[in-house]
Amino acid sequence: MADTVLYEVSAGLATITLNRPEAMNALNIATKVALREAVQEAAGDDAVRAVLLTAAGERAFCVGQDLKEHIGLLASDRETGSSHTMSTVKEHYNPIVRALVEMPKPVVAGVNGVAAGAGFGLALAADYRVVAENAAFNTSFAGVALTADSGISWTLPRVVGPGRAADLLLFPRSITAQEAQELGIVNRLVPAGEFRAEAEKVARALAEGPTVAYGAIKESLAYALSHSLQESLEKEDELQTRAGKSEDHVIAVQAFVNKEKPKYLGR
């Protein structure tokens, strides 16, 4: 795994850190490959019970595609008559976003600064966003004559509604963390000086929680957005049965009866 992405697992929490602060954590090919590997590893590791996706530095979470690299790749495509450069959506962004959204464990995005383009998409692919007060968001795509990628056409309207999503995509602008909170993009807004500790605190709390139940909650929310009431009720029945068979459910009920704090096993 390239050093542009750091990966660490501790006490059930996988911390994935974008590590190109000098480039505002822009996504060049090496970073996208490393991020894909890290996210997929976390998704497939039963020892990982939650994921914290964050970034090094104070200025940016991720400003999206590395346009300095991108312009060179476009020039090469023009010379060869190919369109290989844009295959990054299929090869990198799509599998990264699918792994974040579909893994049966909670994902926290710790947004420490600017999140633009695919960086915004990565933040939206998480289940919960802890955001520093000095952060900002921008869809950016139309500003470089591109359409949405990194799952943002799916995630953004689900968070802010289709009308606001169209506005933010057609007329890209910088959204302050405070406005993003009003739009529902931010789950927890914290002072910049407290950001790192708070993001880790939230992620660790989820890593210590009932993992099976969290996975079922993620699945039920995604399912209900595109299915009927009857279908959603049936899905709830299926998922509740699954959660009810977990060891953590028994632990939780026993702890409640005994007036104790449950110590979950994640299974």
Protein backbone atom coordinates (compact mmCIF):
# COMPACT_ATOMS: atom_id res chain seq x y z
CA MET A 1 0.00 0.00 0.00
CA ALA A 2 1.43 3.38 -0.99
CA ASP A 3 2.41 5.81 1.78
CA THR A 4 -0.10 8.27 0.35
CA VAL A 5 -2.71 6.30 2.30
CA LEU A 6 -2.08 5.13 5.87
CA TYR A 7 -3.92 2.12 7.28
CA GLU A 8 -4.05 1.11 10.92
CA VAL A 9 -6.28 -1.24 12.90
CA SER A 10 -6.59 -0.85 16.66
CA ALA A 11 -9.22 -2.36 18.96
CA GLY A 12 -11.66 -3.02 16.13
CA LEU A 13 -11.26 0.39 14.49
CA ALA A 14 -9.63 0.71 11.07
CA THR A 15 -8.28 4.22 10.51
CA ILE A 16 -7.67 5.10 6.87
CA THR A 17 -5.79 8.37 6.42
CA LEU A 18 -5.28 10.17 3.12
CA ASN A 19 -1.67 11.28 3.38
CA ARG A 20 -0.85 13.89 0.76
CA PRO A 21 -1.28 17.08 2.81
CA GLU A 22 1.16 18.98 0.59
CA ALA A 23 -1.28 18.37 -2.31
CA MET A 24 -4.41 18.93 -0.20
CA ASN A 25 -4.86 15.14 -0.32
CA ALA A 26 -5.67 15.21 -4.03
CA LEU A 27 -6.29 11.81 -5.56
CA ASN A 28 -3.56 10.74 -7.96
CA ILE A 29 -3.51 7.21 -9.32
CA ALA A 30 -1.24 5.82 -6.60
CA THR A 31 -3.50 7.26 -3.89
CA LYS A 32 -6.67 5.93 -5.50
CA VAL A 33 -5.21 2.44 -5.78
CA ALA A 34 -4.01 2.51 -2.18
CA LEU A 35 -7.35 3.86 -0.95
CA ARG A 36 -9.24 1.15 -2.83
CA GLU A 37 -7.03 -1.51 -1.26
CA ALA A 38 -7.42 -0.06 2.23
CA VAL A 39 -11.19 0.28 2.08
CA GLN A 40 -11.65 -3.20 0.66
CA GLU A 41 -9.34 -4.65 3.30
CA ALA A 42 -11.33 -3.00 6.06
CA ALA A 43 -14.60 -4.20 4.56
CA GLY A 44 -13.43 -7.80 4.42
CA ASP A 45 -11.72 -7.99 7.81
CA ASP A 46 -14.00 -9.42 10.50
CA ALA A 47 -11.73 -7.92 13.16
CA VAL A 48 -12.66 -4.45 11.90
CA ARG A 49 -15.91 -3.26 13.46
CA ALA A 50 -15.86 0.37 12.30
CA VAL A 51 -13.87 2.55 9.93
CA LEU A 52 -12.62 6.10 10.30
CA LEU A 53 -11.78 7.74 6.96
CA THR A 54 -9.85 10.95 7.49
CA ALA A 55 -6.88 12.92 6.17
CA ALA A 56 -3.54 14.37 7.18
CA GLY A 57 -3.00 18.09 7.56
CA GLU A 58 -5.33 20.92 8.49
CA ARG A 59 -6.27 22.44 5.12
CA ALA A 60 -8.05 19.67 3.27
CA PHE A 61 -9.85 16.37 3.69
CA CYS A 62 -9.56 15.78 -0.05
CA VAL A 63 -9.88 18.14 -3.02
CA GLY A 64 -10.75 15.31 -5.39
CA GLN A 65 -8.94 14.36 -8.57
CA ASP A 66 -5.31 15.44 -8.83
CA LEU A 67 -5.73 17.79 -11.78
CA LYS A 68 -1.99 18.26 -12.26
CA GLU A 69 -1.65 14.55 -12.98
CA HIS A 70 -4.96 14.51 -14.80
CA ILE A 71 -4.01 17.11 -17.42
CA GLY A 72 -0.96 15.10 -18.40
CA LEU A 73 -3.00 11.93 -18.73
CA LEU A 74 -5.55 13.75 -20.90
CA ALA A 75 -2.76 14.94 -23.20
CA SER A 76 -1.52 11.36 -23.52
CA ASP A 77 -5.05 10.20 -24.35
CA ARG A 78 -5.31 12.79 -27.11
CA GLU A 79 -2.03 11.63 -28.61
CA THR A 80 -3.06 7.97 -28.60
CA GLY A 81 -6.76 8.49 -29.35
CA SER A 82 -7.80 6.63 -26.20
CA SER A 83 -10.00 7.49 -23.23
CA HIS A 84 -8.07 5.56 -20.61
CA THR A 85 -7.89 8.50 -18.21
CA MET A 86 -11.61 8.46 -17.50
CA SER A 87 -11.53 4.73 -16.70
CA THR A 88 -10.55 5.88 -13.20
CA VAL A 89 -14.26 6.08 -12.36
CA LYS A 90 -14.77 2.38 -13.04
CA GLU A 91 -11.38 1.23 -11.79
CA HIS A 92 -11.06 3.34 -8.65
CA TYR A 93 -13.98 5.50 -7.55
CA ASN A 94 -16.75 2.97 -8.05
CA PRO A 95 -15.18 0.12 -6.05
CA ILE A 96 -14.09 2.52 -3.29
CA VAL A 97 -17.57 3.99 -2.87
CA ARG A 98 -19.30 0.60 -3.07
CA ALA A 99 -17.04 -0.77 -0.35
CA LEU A 100 -17.71 2.22 1.91
CA VAL A 101 -21.46 2.18 1.40
CA GLU A 102 -22.02 -1.58 1.37
CA MET A 103 -19.68 -2.84 4.11
CA PRO A 104 -21.78 -4.18 7.03
CA LYS A 105 -20.08 -1.93 9.56
CA PRO A 106 -20.26 1.82 10.23
CA VAL A 107 -17.98 4.26 8.42
CA VAL A 108 -17.16 7.67 9.88
CA ALA A 109 -15.72 10.42 7.71
CA GLY A 110 -13.54 12.79 9.69
CA VAL A 111 -13.57 15.90 7.52
CA ASN A 112 -10.74 18.13 8.67
CA GLY A 113 -10.80 20.70 5.84
CA VAL A 114 -11.94 21.21 2.27
CA ALA A 115 -13.84 18.30 0.70
CA ALA A 116 -14.31 18.91 -3.01
CA GLY A 117 -15.28 16.81 -6.02
CA ALA A 118 -14.51 13.16 -5.31
CA GLY A 119 -13.44 14.22 -1.82
CA PHE A 120 -17.00 15.37 -1.19
CA GLY A 121 -18.19 12.08 -2.66
CA LEU A 122 -16.01 10.08 -0.26
CA ALA A 123 -17.38 12.01 2.71
CA LEU A 124 -20.95 11.40 1.59
CA ALA A 125 -20.29 7.67 1.18
CA ALA A 126 -19.67 7.44 4.92
CA ASP A 127 -22.51 6.78 7.35
CA TYR A 128 -21.59 9.59 9.72
CA ARG A 129 -19.61 12.79 9.22
CA VAL A 130 -17.64 14.52 11.96
CA VAL A 131 -16.59 17.89 10.55
CA ALA A 132 -14.22 20.61 11.71
CA GLU A 133 -15.69 24.12 11.82
CA ASN A 134 -13.14 25.34 9.28
CA ALA A 135 -14.07 22.69 6.71
CA ALA A 136 -15.93 23.38 3.47
CA PHE A 137 -17.62 21.39 0.73
CA ASN A 138 -17.84 21.85 -3.04
CA THR A 139 -19.14 19.52 -5.74
CA SER A 140 -16.66 21.09 -8.21
CA PHE A 141 -17.46 18.78 -11.16
CA ALA A 142 -19.27 21.24 -13.43
CA GLY A 143 -16.50 23.75 -12.78
CA VAL A 144 -14.12 21.53 -14.77
CA ALA A 145 -16.78 20.49 -17.31
CA LEU A 146 -17.47 17.10 -15.78
CA THR A 147 -20.50 15.32 -14.37
CA ALA A 148 -20.85 13.67 -10.97
CA ASP A 149 -18.81 10.65 -9.95
CA SER A 150 -17.64 9.01 -6.70
CA GLY A 151 -21.27 8.11 -5.99
CA ILE A 152 -22.34 11.70 -5.45
CA SER A 153 -25.32 11.45 -7.83
CA TRP A 154 -26.66 8.75 -5.48
CA THR A 155 -25.58 10.05 -2.09
CA LEU A 156 -26.08 13.81 -2.37
CA PRO A 157 -29.82 13.82 -3.21
CA ARG A 158 -30.40 11.32 -0.43
CA VAL A 159 -28.80 13.70 2.05
CA VAL A 160 -30.02 17.12 0.87
CA GLY A 161 -32.90 16.25 -1.49
CA PRO A 162 -32.94 16.22 -5.31
CA GLY A 163 -33.61 19.95 -5.74
CA ARG A 164 -30.69 21.08 -3.60
CA ALA A 165 -28.49 18.39 -5.13
CA ALA A 166 -29.20 19.75 -8.62
CA ASP A 167 -28.41 23.28 -7.46
CA LEU A 168 -25.11 22.25 -5.85
CA LEU A 169 -24.05 20.23 -8.90
CA LEU A 170 -25.10 22.73 -11.58
CA PHE A 171 -23.75 25.76 -9.72
CA PRO A 172 -20.71 24.60 -7.74
CA ARG A 173 -19.78 26.80 -4.81
CA SER A 174 -18.02 26.53 -1.51
CA ILE A 175 -20.37 25.48 1.28
CA THR A 176 -19.20 26.34 4.78
CA ALA A 177 -19.32 23.70 7.46
CA GLN A 178 -22.11 25.64 9.16
CA GLU A 179 -24.26 25.69 6.02
CA ALA A 180 -23.46 22.03 5.41
CA GLN A 181 -24.78 21.25 8.87
CA GLU A 182 -28.02 23.07 8.06
CA LEU A 183 -28.32 21.02 4.84
CA GLY A 184 -27.87 17.77 6.75
CA ILE A 185 -24.42 16.98 5.32
CA VAL A 186 -22.71 17.35 8.70
CA ASN A 187 -23.68 15.04 11.57
CA ARG A 188 -21.37 16.53 14.18
CA LEU A 189 -19.67 19.93 13.91
CA VAL A 190 -16.69 20.50 16.20
CA PRO A 191 -14.05 23.22 16.73
CA ALA A 192 -10.94 22.63 14.63
CA GLY A 193 -8.79 22.18 17.73
CA GLU A 194 -11.02 19.38 19.00
CA PHE A 195 -11.61 17.70 15.65
CA ARG A 196 -9.09 14.84 15.76
CA ALA A 197 -10.05 13.69 19.24
CA GLU A 198 -13.79 13.93 18.54
CA ALA A 199 -13.63 12.06 15.23
CA GLU A 200 -11.72 9.22 16.86
CA LYS A 201 -14.06 9.21 19.86
CA VAL A 202 -17.11 8.81 17.62
CA ALA A 203 -15.49 6.10 15.51
CA ARG A 204 -14.26 4.16 18.54
CA ALA A 205 -17.71 4.27 20.13
CA LEU A 206 -19.09 2.63 16.99
CA ALA A 207 -16.25 0.09 16.92
CA GLU A 208 -17.25 -0.96 20.44
CA GLY A 209 -20.94 -1.22 19.56
CA PRO A 210 -23.27 -3.96 18.23
CA THR A 211 -21.73 -4.47 14.79
CA VAL A 212 -24.43 -6.79 13.45
CA ALA A 213 -27.13 -4.27 14.36
CA TYR A 214 -25.17 -1.42 12.77
CA GLY A 215 -24.77 -3.39 9.57
CA ALA A 216 -28.49 -4.12 9.52
CA ILE A 217 -29.30 -0.44 10.07
CA LYS A 218 -27.12 0.52 7.08
CA GLU A 219 -28.79 -2.09 4.89
CA SER A 220 -32.32 -1.18 5.94
CA LEU A 221 -31.84 2.53 5.29
CA ALA A 222 -30.39 1.95 1.83
CA TYR A 223 -33.10 -0.56 0.96
CA ALA A 224 -36.04 1.57 2.12
CA LEU A 225 -35.02 4.51 -0.07
CA SER A 226 -35.80 2.57 -3.24
CA HIS A 227 -38.52 0.12 -2.18
CA SER A 228 -42.17 0.24 -1.19
CA LEU A 229 -43.47 0.30 2.37
CA GLN A 230 -44.47 -3.36 2.19
CA GLU A 231 -41.07 -4.38 0.84
CA SER A 232 -39.34 -2.29 3.49
CA LEU A 233 -41.41 -3.86 6.26
CA GLU A 234 -40.44 -7.30 5.01
CA LYS A 235 -36.80 -6.26 4.93
CA GLU A 236 -37.09 -4.99 8.49
CA ASP A 237 -38.45 -8.38 9.52
CA GLU A 238 -35.54 -10.14 7.83
CA LEU A 239 -32.90 -7.87 9.33
CA GLN A 240 -34.43 -7.79 12.80
CA THR A 241 -34.42 -11.57 12.84
CA ARG A 242 -30.72 -11.50 11.93
CA ALA A 243 -29.91 -8.95 14.64
CA GLY A 244 -31.99 -10.85 17.17
CA LYS A 245 -29.85 -13.95 16.64
CA SER A 246 -26.62 -12.09 17.38
CA GLU A 247 -24.64 -12.60 20.55
CA ASP A 248 -24.64 -8.85 21.07
CA HIS A 249 -28.43 -8.78 21.34
CA VAL A 250 -28.34 -11.27 24.21
CA ILE A 251 -25.52 -9.30 25.84
CA ALA A 252 -27.49 -6.06 25.50
CA VAL A 253 -30.68 -7.47 27.02
CA GLN A 254 -28.83 -9.08 29.91
CA ALA A 255 -26.97 -5.85 30.58
CA PHE A 256 -30.23 -3.87 30.53
CA VAL A 257 -31.86 -6.23 33.01
CA ASN A 258 -28.79 -6.11 35.26
CA LYS A 259 -28.49 -2.31 34.87
CA GLU A 260 -24.99 -2.67 33.48
CA LYS A 261 -23.18 -1.25 30.48
CA PRO A 262 -23.03 -3.88 27.72
CA LYS A 263 -19.65 -5.05 26.44
CA TYR A 264 -20.31 -6.03 22.86
CA LEU A 265 -18.39 -8.66 20.92
CA GLY A 266 -19.33 -7.49 17.46
CA ARG A 267 -21.09 -10.70 16.54
